[in-house]
Amino acid sequence: MWGSSSGVSGSLHSQTEKNIFYLDMNEVVCDEEGNLKSSLTFDDIHLYGSKYGIWVDYLKENGI
């Protein structure tokens, strides 16, 4: 589910002339099957609040 980015990335890639970009954070929060890593989630959808630092670190290194 999470590993499939064809819908979102496809629509965003088509908007490049508008300077829209995305960061694929799946590499840091998903397992090899594209699901959220079980150590990061309590319901397979949402991250534990204590795990949002992973996103912050990823953004600092790759985006902002």
C-alpha atoms as a PDB file:
ATOM      1  CA  MET A   1       0.000   0.000   0.000  1.00  0.00           C
ATOM      2  CA  TRP A   2       2.530   2.623   1.106  1.00  0.00           C
ATOM      3  CA  GLY A   3       5.160   1.405  -1.305  1.00  0.00           C
ATOM      4  CA  SER A   4       2.961   2.097  -4.292  1.00  0.00           C
ATOM      5  CA  SER A   5       3.468   5.675  -5.331  1.00  0.00           C
ATOM      6  CA  SER A   6       2.238   5.576  -8.901  1.00  0.00           C
ATOM      7  CA  GLY A   7      -0.869   7.678  -8.269  1.00  0.00           C
ATOM      8  CA  VAL A   8       0.654  10.420  -6.158  1.00  0.00           C
ATOM      9  CA  SER A   9       4.082  10.533  -7.727  1.00  0.00           C
ATOM     10  CA  GLY A  10       2.653  10.307 -11.210  1.00  0.00           C
ATOM     11  CA  SER A  11       0.464  13.337 -10.679  1.00  0.00           C
ATOM     12  CA  LEU A  12       3.243  15.284  -8.979  1.00  0.00           C
ATOM     13  CA  HIS A  13       5.818  14.409 -11.606  1.00  0.00           C
ATOM     14  CA  SER A  14       3.489  15.837 -14.224  1.00  0.00           C
ATOM     15  CA  GLN A  15       3.480  19.134 -12.334  1.00  0.00           C
ATOM     16  CA  THR A  16       7.236  19.749 -12.531  1.00  0.00           C
ATOM     17  CA  GLU A  17       6.765  22.835 -14.646  1.00  0.00           C
ATOM     18  CA  LYS A  18       5.145  24.365 -11.562  1.00  0.00           C
ATOM     19  CA  ASN A  19       8.200  23.605  -9.399  1.00  0.00           C
ATOM     20  CA  ILE A  20       6.389  20.993  -7.343  1.00  0.00           C
ATOM     21  CA  PHE A  21       8.479  18.222  -5.862  1.00  0.00           C
ATOM     22  CA  TYR A  22       8.069  15.451  -3.353  1.00  0.00           C
ATOM     23  CA  LEU A  23      10.274  13.440  -1.071  1.00  0.00           C
ATOM     24  CA  ASP A  24       9.725   9.708  -1.022  1.00  0.00           C
ATOM     25  CA  MET A  25      10.005   8.960   2.675  1.00  0.00           C
ATOM     26  CA  ASN A  26       8.957   5.351   2.219  1.00  0.00           C
ATOM     27  CA  GLU A  27      12.595   4.318   2.358  1.00  0.00           C
ATOM     28  CA  VAL A  28      12.806   5.280   6.032  1.00  0.00           C
ATOM     29  CA  VAL A  29       9.371   4.202   7.290  1.00  0.00           C
ATOM     30  CA  CYS A  30       8.424   1.202   5.138  1.00  0.00           C
ATOM     31  CA  ASP A  31       9.563  -2.393   5.081  1.00  0.00           C
ATOM     32  CA  GLU A  32      10.562  -4.309   1.950  1.00  0.00           C
ATOM     33  CA  GLU A  33       6.892  -5.058   1.209  1.00  0.00           C
ATOM     34  CA  GLY A  34       5.897  -1.380   1.284  1.00  0.00           C
ATOM     35  CA  ASN A  35       4.112  -1.460   4.638  1.00  0.00           C
ATOM     36  CA  LEU A  36       4.929   0.725   7.599  1.00  0.00           C
ATOM     37  CA  LYS A  37       7.595  -0.935   9.706  1.00  0.00           C
ATOM     38  CA  SER A  38       5.859  -2.625  12.625  1.00  0.00           C
ATOM     39  CA  SER A  39       8.255  -0.990  15.092  1.00  0.00           C
ATOM     40  CA  LEU A  40       7.003   2.455  14.012  1.00  0.00           C
ATOM     41  CA  THR A  41       3.231   1.977  14.113  1.00  0.00           C
ATOM     42  CA  PHE A  42       0.488   0.818  16.448  1.00  0.00           C
ATOM     43  CA  ASP A  43      -2.212   0.290  13.821  1.00  0.00           C
ATOM     44  CA  ASP A  44      -0.338  -0.141  10.514  1.00  0.00           C
ATOM     45  CA  ILE A  45      -1.483   3.342   9.441  1.00  0.00           C
ATOM     46  CA  HIS A  46      -0.201   5.939  11.908  1.00  0.00           C
ATOM     47  CA  LEU A  47       3.263   6.398  13.340  1.00  0.00           C
ATOM     48  CA  TYR A  48       3.816   6.432  17.066  1.00  0.00           C
ATOM     49  CA  GLY A  49       4.193  10.049  18.139  1.00  0.00           C
ATOM     50  CA  SER A  50       7.683   9.269  19.357  1.00  0.00           C
ATOM     51  CA  LYS A  51       8.687   8.174  15.839  1.00  0.00           C
ATOM     52  CA  TYR A  52       8.001  11.435  13.995  1.00  0.00           C
ATOM     53  CA  GLY A  53      11.616  12.390  14.598  1.00  0.00           C
ATOM     54  CA  ILE A  54      12.445  10.021  11.746  1.00  0.00           C
ATOM     55  CA  TRP A  55      10.563  12.348   9.400  1.00  0.00           C
ATOM     56  CA  VAL A  56      12.243  15.423  10.844  1.00  0.00           C
ATOM     57  CA  ASP A  57      15.686  13.901  10.386  1.00  0.00           C
ATOM     58  CA  TYR A  58      14.852  12.820   6.836  1.00  0.00           C
ATOM     59  CA  LEU A  59      13.612  16.315   5.937  1.00  0.00           C
ATOM     60  CA  LYS A  60      16.723  17.941   7.407  1.00  0.00           C
ATOM     61  CA  GLU A  61      18.968  15.677   5.364  1.00  0.00           C
ATOM     62  CA  ASN A  62      16.969  15.632   2.120  1.00  0.00           C
ATOM     63  CA  GLY A  63      14.662  18.571   1.866  1.00  0.00           C
ATOM     64  CA  ILE A  64      14.860  21.607   4.020  1.00  0.00           C
END
